[in-house]
Amino acid sequence: ASKAHLVSALEDLSETLKSGPAAQVRAKAHFRAAQAHAGLENWREAWSAASLARELQPGSAEVKEVQLKVQREMRLLQRSERESKRQGAFGTGTNRNLLDRDERKEFQARL
């Protein structure tokens, strides 16, 4: 689906949820929102929507499948964020030294 289509779907789902539908309809709306956010690579929003859908329909295999996919992507995102923080504007050796220094400061501050 195109990006514009996914954004439009999210807007429609938001309106649906504002109307206060029954739990089954809310679960389906959150599930669809999770799918749309995943399609847009908004992994944190997708996780949130999938978690809400899972709370409303804990036995749903399709919700569990989306949640597992999003969980995998979130792990990759977190790993790449950690790596980019380490690399930053300096080389890895300099970053390692800076991280060591920061960790020592944090440890000393806790004492």
Foldseek 3Di string as FASTA:
>chain_A
DDLVVLVVLLVVLVVVVVVPDDLVSLLVSLLSNLVSCVVVVVLVSSLVSLVSSCVSPVPDPSSVVSNVVSVVSVVVVVVVVVVCQQPPPHHNVVSVVVVVVVVVVVVVVVD
